[in-house]
Amino acid sequence: MDINDLRSLFTVLAFIAFVGIVWWAYSDRRKTTYDEAAMLPLDDDSPFVPQAMQNQERKSS
């Protein structure tokens, strides 16, 4: 076994790991988790207060 055989073996193992990670990430069990994470930027509980309004409130106090 020379260095080229080791390189080929490493390439095959890296490809298998890549396919495994892709399969894990796109499995149906993860869909609900990813759907919830996709909605996080749109799920805002606090009301939007423009910066100008905050500055006015500070000055009037």
N, C-alpha and C. Protein backbone atom coordinates (compact mmCIF):
# COMPACT_ATOMS: atom_id res chain seq x y z
N MET A 1 0.86 -1.18 0.00
CA MET A 1 0.00 0.00 0.00
C MET A 1 0.90 1.23 0.00
N ASP A 2 0.75 2.04 -1.02
CA ASP A 2 1.56 3.26 -1.09
C ASP A 2 0.68 4.48 -0.80
N ILE A 3 1.25 5.64 -0.96
CA ILE A 3 0.56 6.89 -0.60
C ILE A 3 -0.66 7.13 -1.49
N ASN A 4 -0.61 6.70 -2.74
CA ASN A 4 -1.75 6.90 -3.63
C ASN A 4 -2.96 6.07 -3.20
N ASP A 5 -2.72 4.88 -2.67
CA ASP A 5 -3.83 4.08 -2.15
C ASP A 5 -4.46 4.75 -0.94
N LEU A 6 -3.64 5.34 -0.08
CA LEU A 6 -4.16 6.05 1.08
C LEU A 6 -4.96 7.28 0.66
N ARG A 7 -4.49 7.97 -0.36
CA ARG A 7 -5.23 9.14 -0.86
C ARG A 7 -6.58 8.72 -1.43
N SER A 8 -6.59 7.62 -2.16
CA SER A 8 -7.85 7.13 -2.72
C SER A 8 -8.81 6.71 -1.61
N LEU A 9 -8.29 6.03 -0.60
CA LEU A 9 -9.11 5.61 0.52
C LEU A 9 -9.67 6.82 1.26
N PHE A 10 -8.85 7.83 1.48
CA PHE A 10 -9.32 9.04 2.15
C PHE A 10 -10.39 9.74 1.33
N THR A 11 -10.24 9.78 0.01
CA THR A 11 -11.24 10.40 -0.85
C THR A 11 -12.58 9.67 -0.74
N VAL A 12 -12.53 8.36 -0.75
CA VAL A 12 -13.76 7.57 -0.64
C VAL A 12 -14.41 7.79 0.73
N LEU A 13 -13.62 7.80 1.79
CA LEU A 13 -14.16 8.02 3.14
C LEU A 13 -14.74 9.42 3.28
N ALA A 14 -14.08 10.42 2.70
CA ALA A 14 -14.60 11.79 2.76
C ALA A 14 -15.91 11.90 1.99
N PHE A 15 -16.01 11.22 0.86
CA PHE A 15 -17.25 11.24 0.09
C PHE A 15 -18.39 10.56 0.86
N ILE A 16 -18.09 9.45 1.51
CA ILE A 16 -19.10 8.76 2.31
C ILE A 16 -19.56 9.65 3.46
N ALA A 17 -18.62 10.34 4.10
CA ALA A 17 -18.98 11.26 5.19
C ALA A 17 -19.84 12.39 4.67
N PHE A 18 -19.51 12.94 3.51
CA PHE A 18 -20.29 14.02 2.91
C PHE A 18 -21.72 13.56 2.61
N VAL A 19 -21.86 12.41 2.00
CA VAL A 19 -23.19 11.88 1.69
C VAL A 19 -23.97 11.63 2.97
N GLY A 20 -23.30 11.14 4.01
CA GLY A 20 -23.97 10.90 5.28
C GLY A 20 -24.46 12.19 5.92
N ILE A 21 -23.66 13.23 5.87
CA ILE A 21 -24.07 14.52 6.44
C ILE A 21 -25.22 15.12 5.66
N VAL A 22 -25.17 15.04 4.33
CA VAL A 22 -26.27 15.55 3.50
C VAL A 22 -27.55 14.77 3.78
N TRP A 23 -27.45 13.46 3.89
CA TRP A 23 -28.62 12.63 4.19
C TRP A 23 -29.20 13.00 5.55
N TRP A 24 -28.33 13.19 6.54
CA TRP A 24 -28.78 13.57 7.89
C TRP A 24 -29.46 14.94 7.87
N ALA A 25 -28.87 15.90 7.16
CA ALA A 25 -29.40 17.27 7.16
C ALA A 25 -30.74 17.36 6.44
N TYR A 26 -30.94 16.58 5.41
CA TYR A 26 -32.17 16.66 4.63
C TYR A 26 -33.18 15.57 4.99
N SER A 27 -32.98 14.89 6.09
CA SER A 27 -33.94 13.85 6.48
C SER A 27 -35.26 14.49 6.90
N ASP A 28 -36.32 13.74 6.79
CA ASP A 28 -37.66 14.25 7.11
C ASP A 28 -37.82 14.62 8.58
N ARG A 29 -37.05 13.98 9.45
CA ARG A 29 -37.15 14.29 10.88
C ARG A 29 -36.68 15.71 11.19
N ARG A 30 -35.84 16.27 10.36
CA ARG A 30 -35.29 17.61 10.60
C ARG A 30 -36.15 18.71 9.98
N LYS A 31 -37.14 18.36 9.17
CA LYS A 31 -37.91 19.36 8.44
C LYS A 31 -38.60 20.36 9.37
N THR A 32 -39.22 19.89 10.43
CA THR A 32 -39.92 20.82 11.33
C THR A 32 -38.94 21.76 12.02
N THR A 33 -37.78 21.24 12.39
CA THR A 33 -36.77 22.09 13.03
C THR A 33 -36.30 23.18 12.09
N TYR A 34 -36.06 22.81 10.84
CA TYR A 34 -35.58 23.80 9.87
C TYR A 34 -36.68 24.79 9.48
N ASP A 35 -37.92 24.33 9.44
CA ASP A 35 -39.03 25.25 9.16
C ASP A 35 -39.17 26.29 10.27
N GLU A 36 -39.02 25.85 11.52
CA GLU A 36 -39.08 26.80 12.63
C GLU A 36 -37.91 27.77 12.58
N ALA A 37 -36.73 27.28 12.26
CA ALA A 37 -35.56 28.16 12.17
C ALA A 37 -35.69 29.15 11.03
N ALA A 38 -36.35 28.75 9.95
CA ALA A 38 -36.53 29.65 8.81
C ALA A 38 -37.47 30.80 9.15
N MET A 39 -38.38 30.58 10.10
CA MET A 39 -39.34 31.62 10.47
C MET A 39 -38.83 32.54 11.58
N LEU A 40 -37.69 32.25 12.17
CA LEU A 40 -37.17 33.07 13.28
C LEU A 40 -37.00 34.54 12.93
N PRO A 41 -36.47 34.91 11.75
CA PRO A 41 -36.33 36.34 11.46
C PRO A 41 -37.68 37.06 11.37
N LEU A 42 -38.72 36.34 11.04
CA LEU A 42 -40.04 36.95 10.89
C LEU A 42 -40.85 36.92 12.17
N ASP A 43 -40.42 36.17 13.16
CA ASP A 43 -41.14 36.02 14.41
C ASP A 43 -40.59 37.01 15.43
N ASP A 44 -41.17 38.20 15.44
CA ASP A 44 -40.70 39.26 16.32
C ASP A 44 -41.78 39.58 17.34
N ASP A 45 -41.49 39.37 18.60
CA ASP A 45 -42.47 39.63 19.65
C ASP A 45 -42.48 41.08 20.09
N SER A 46 -41.37 41.77 19.95
CA SER A 46 -41.31 43.16 20.39
C SER A 46 -41.75 44.09 19.27
N PRO A 47 -42.49 45.14 19.59
CA PRO A 47 -42.92 46.07 18.54
C PRO A 47 -41.74 46.89 18.03
N PHE A 48 -41.82 47.25 16.78
CA PHE A 48 -40.75 48.05 16.16
C PHE A 48 -40.91 49.50 16.57
N VAL A 49 -39.85 50.08 17.11
CA VAL A 49 -39.84 51.49 17.48
C VAL A 49 -38.68 52.12 16.72
N PRO A 50 -38.97 53.02 15.78
CA PRO A 50 -37.88 53.64 15.02
C PRO A 50 -36.90 54.37 15.94
N GLN A 51 -35.67 54.46 15.51
CA GLN A 51 -34.63 55.12 16.29
C GLN A 51 -34.97 56.58 16.56
N ALA A 52 -35.61 57.25 15.62
CA ALA A 52 -35.96 58.65 15.80
C ALA A 52 -36.97 58.81 16.94
N MET A 53 -37.90 57.89 17.07
CA MET A 53 -38.87 57.96 18.15
C MET A 53 -38.20 57.74 19.50
N GLN A 54 -37.23 56.86 19.56
CA GLN A 54 -36.52 56.62 20.81
C GLN A 54 -35.75 57.87 21.23
N ASN A 55 -35.15 58.56 20.27
CA ASN A 55 -34.41 59.78 20.58
C ASN A 55 -35.34 60.88 21.09
N GLN A 56 -36.54 61.00 20.51
CA GLN A 56 -37.50 62.01 20.96
C GLN A 56 -37.94 61.73 22.39
N GLU A 57 -38.17 60.49 22.71
CA GLU A 57 -38.60 60.13 24.06
C GLU A 57 -37.53 60.46 25.09
N ARG A 58 -36.28 60.26 24.74
CA ARG A 58 -35.18 60.57 25.66
C ARG A 58 -35.05 62.07 25.88
N LYS A 59 -35.24 62.85 24.82
CA LYS A 59 -35.10 64.30 24.93
C LYS A 59 -36.24 64.91 25.74
N SER A 60 -37.44 64.35 25.60
CA SER A 60 -38.59 64.92 26.31
C SER A 60 -38.58 64.54 27.80
N SER A 61 -37.84 63.54 28.17
CA SER A 61 -37.80 63.11 29.59
C SER A 61 -36.92 63.99 30.42
